[in-house]
N, C-alpha and C. Protein backbone atom coordinates (compact mmCIF):
# COMPACT_ATOMS: atom_id res chain seq x y z
N VAL A 1 -21.73 -299.36 -87.30
CA VAL A 1 -22.28 -299.68 -86.08
C VAL A 1 -23.81 -300.02 -86.26
N SER A 2 -24.40 -298.98 -86.86
CA SER A 2 -25.94 -299.03 -87.14
C SER A 2 -26.28 -299.97 -87.95
N GLN A 3 -25.37 -300.57 -88.70
CA GLN A 3 -26.12 -301.70 -89.33
C GLN A 3 -26.01 -302.92 -88.91
N LEU A 4 -25.22 -303.13 -87.95
CA LEU A 4 -25.22 -304.43 -87.05
C LEU A 4 -26.70 -304.33 -86.11
N PHE A 5 -27.08 -302.88 -85.48
CA PHE A 5 -28.03 -302.78 -84.91
C PHE A 5 -29.38 -303.00 -85.45
N THR A 6 -29.34 -302.54 -86.97
CA THR A 6 -30.63 -303.04 -87.77
C THR A 6 -31.05 -304.24 -88.00
N LEU A 7 -30.03 -305.26 -87.80
CA LEU A 7 -29.90 -306.55 -87.97
C LEU A 7 -31.00 -307.04 -87.08
N CYS A 8 -30.73 -306.71 -85.67
CA CYS A 8 -31.79 -307.18 -84.89
C CYS A 8 -33.07 -306.18 -84.98
N GLY A 9 -33.54 -305.46 -85.70
CA GLY A 9 -34.60 -304.84 -86.22
C GLY A 9 -35.03 -303.88 -85.13
N GLU A 10 -33.80 -303.35 -84.48
CA GLU A 10 -34.12 -302.03 -83.56
C GLU A 10 -33.10 -301.00 -83.88
N ASP A 11 -33.21 -299.60 -83.94
CA ASP A 11 -32.42 -298.71 -84.12
C ASP A 11 -31.74 -298.25 -82.86
N ASP A 12 -32.57 -298.33 -81.81
CA ASP A 12 -31.96 -297.84 -80.56
C ASP A 12 -31.24 -298.77 -79.96
N VAL A 13 -30.15 -298.40 -79.21
CA VAL A 13 -29.01 -299.36 -78.93
C VAL A 13 -29.59 -300.34 -77.76
N SER A 14 -30.83 -299.78 -76.81
CA SER A 14 -31.13 -300.16 -75.66
C SER A 14 -32.26 -301.52 -75.73
N LEU A 15 -32.89 -300.99 -76.84
CA LEU A 15 -34.01 -301.70 -77.63
C LEU A 15 -32.94 -303.11 -78.14
N CYS A 16 -31.81 -302.77 -78.92
CA CYS A 16 -31.02 -303.77 -79.29
C CYS A 16 -30.49 -305.11 -78.32
N TYR A 17 -30.07 -304.14 -77.32
CA TYR A 17 -29.56 -304.87 -76.12
C TYR A 17 -30.49 -305.73 -75.62
N ASN A 18 -32.08 -305.21 -75.32
CA ASN A 18 -33.09 -306.21 -74.31
C ASN A 18 -33.43 -307.17 -75.54
N LYS A 19 -33.39 -306.95 -76.47
CA LYS A 19 -34.08 -307.98 -77.58
C LYS A 19 -32.77 -309.05 -77.79
N SER A 20 -31.38 -308.48 -77.65
CA SER A 20 -30.30 -309.60 -77.48
C SER A 20 -30.51 -310.42 -76.37
N ASN A 21 -31.39 -310.04 -75.27
CA ASN A 21 -31.18 -310.90 -73.93
C ASN A 21 -32.27 -311.57 -73.86
N ASN A 22 -33.23 -311.61 -74.79
CA ASN A 22 -34.54 -312.56 -74.93
C ASN A 22 -33.88 -313.97 -75.22
N PRO A 23 -34.29 -314.89 -74.55
CA PRO A 23 -34.07 -316.03 -74.94
C PRO A 23 -34.48 -316.79 -76.07
N ASN A 24 -35.32 -316.24 -76.91
CA ASN A 24 -36.19 -316.55 -78.05
C ASN A 24 -35.34 -316.03 -79.17
N ALA A 25 -34.35 -314.89 -78.49
CA ALA A 25 -33.88 -314.07 -79.96
C ALA A 25 -32.36 -314.51 -80.28
N GLY A 26 -32.29 -315.92 -81.18
CA GLY A 26 -30.97 -316.18 -80.94
C GLY A 26 -30.13 -315.63 -81.95
N THR A 27 -30.49 -314.85 -83.26
CA THR A 27 -29.38 -314.31 -84.17
C THR A 27 -29.29 -313.13 -83.67
N GLU A 28 -30.53 -312.24 -82.92
CA GLU A 28 -30.35 -311.28 -82.22
C GLU A 28 -29.05 -310.84 -81.33
N LYS A 29 -28.96 -312.19 -80.42
CA LYS A 29 -27.98 -311.87 -79.56
C LYS A 29 -26.68 -312.14 -80.04
N THR A 30 -26.52 -313.23 -81.40
CA THR A 30 -25.34 -313.20 -81.90
C THR A 30 -24.72 -312.06 -82.49
N TYR A 31 -25.82 -311.16 -83.18
CA TYR A 31 -25.01 -309.93 -83.51
C TYR A 31 -24.75 -308.94 -82.75
N PHE A 32 -25.50 -308.86 -81.44
CA PHE A 32 -25.02 -308.14 -80.37
C PHE A 32 -23.95 -308.58 -79.86
N LEU A 33 -23.42 -309.77 -79.97
CA LEU A 33 -22.34 -309.86 -78.94
C LEU A 33 -20.86 -309.78 -80.34
N ILE A 34 -21.34 -310.01 -81.44
CA ILE A 34 -20.25 -309.61 -82.81
C ILE A 34 -20.06 -308.01 -82.57
N PHE A 35 -21.11 -307.33 -82.21
CA PHE A 35 -20.59 -305.87 -82.00
C PHE A 35 -20.17 -305.70 -80.44
N GLU A 36 -20.82 -306.32 -79.67
CA GLU A 36 -19.73 -305.91 -78.34
C GLU A 36 -17.99 -306.43 -78.38
N LEU A 37 -17.71 -307.50 -79.11
CA LEU A 37 -16.34 -308.23 -79.21
C LEU A 37 -15.85 -306.88 -80.48
N GLY A 38 -16.78 -306.55 -81.18
CA GLY A 38 -16.12 -305.29 -82.18
C GLY A 38 -15.32 -303.87 -81.09
N ASN A 39 -16.52 -303.83 -80.42
CA ASN A 39 -16.38 -302.05 -79.32
C ASN A 39 -15.00 -302.88 -78.65
N HIS A 40 -14.99 -303.91 -78.10
CA HIS A 40 -13.63 -304.02 -76.94
C HIS A 40 -12.41 -304.29 -77.60
N LEU A 41 -12.27 -304.90 -78.78
CA LEU A 41 -11.23 -305.26 -79.65
C LEU A 41 -10.89 -304.09 -80.90
N ASN A 42 -12.13 -302.82 -80.94
CA ASN A 42 -12.01 -301.74 -81.63
C ASN A 42 -11.49 -302.28 -83.09
N PHE A 43 -12.63 -303.05 -83.69
CA PHE A 43 -12.74 -303.51 -85.05
C PHE A 43 -13.66 -302.50 -85.92
């Protein structure tokens, strides 16, 4: 999990989430969505 968050440049979950909601943060949003999907599907 921590590896996915470091990809968006923030170790804190809330900071990563806020960054993912930034319209200018394309890749960060993608990584966060991947994390969310993994969370719900228990990957």
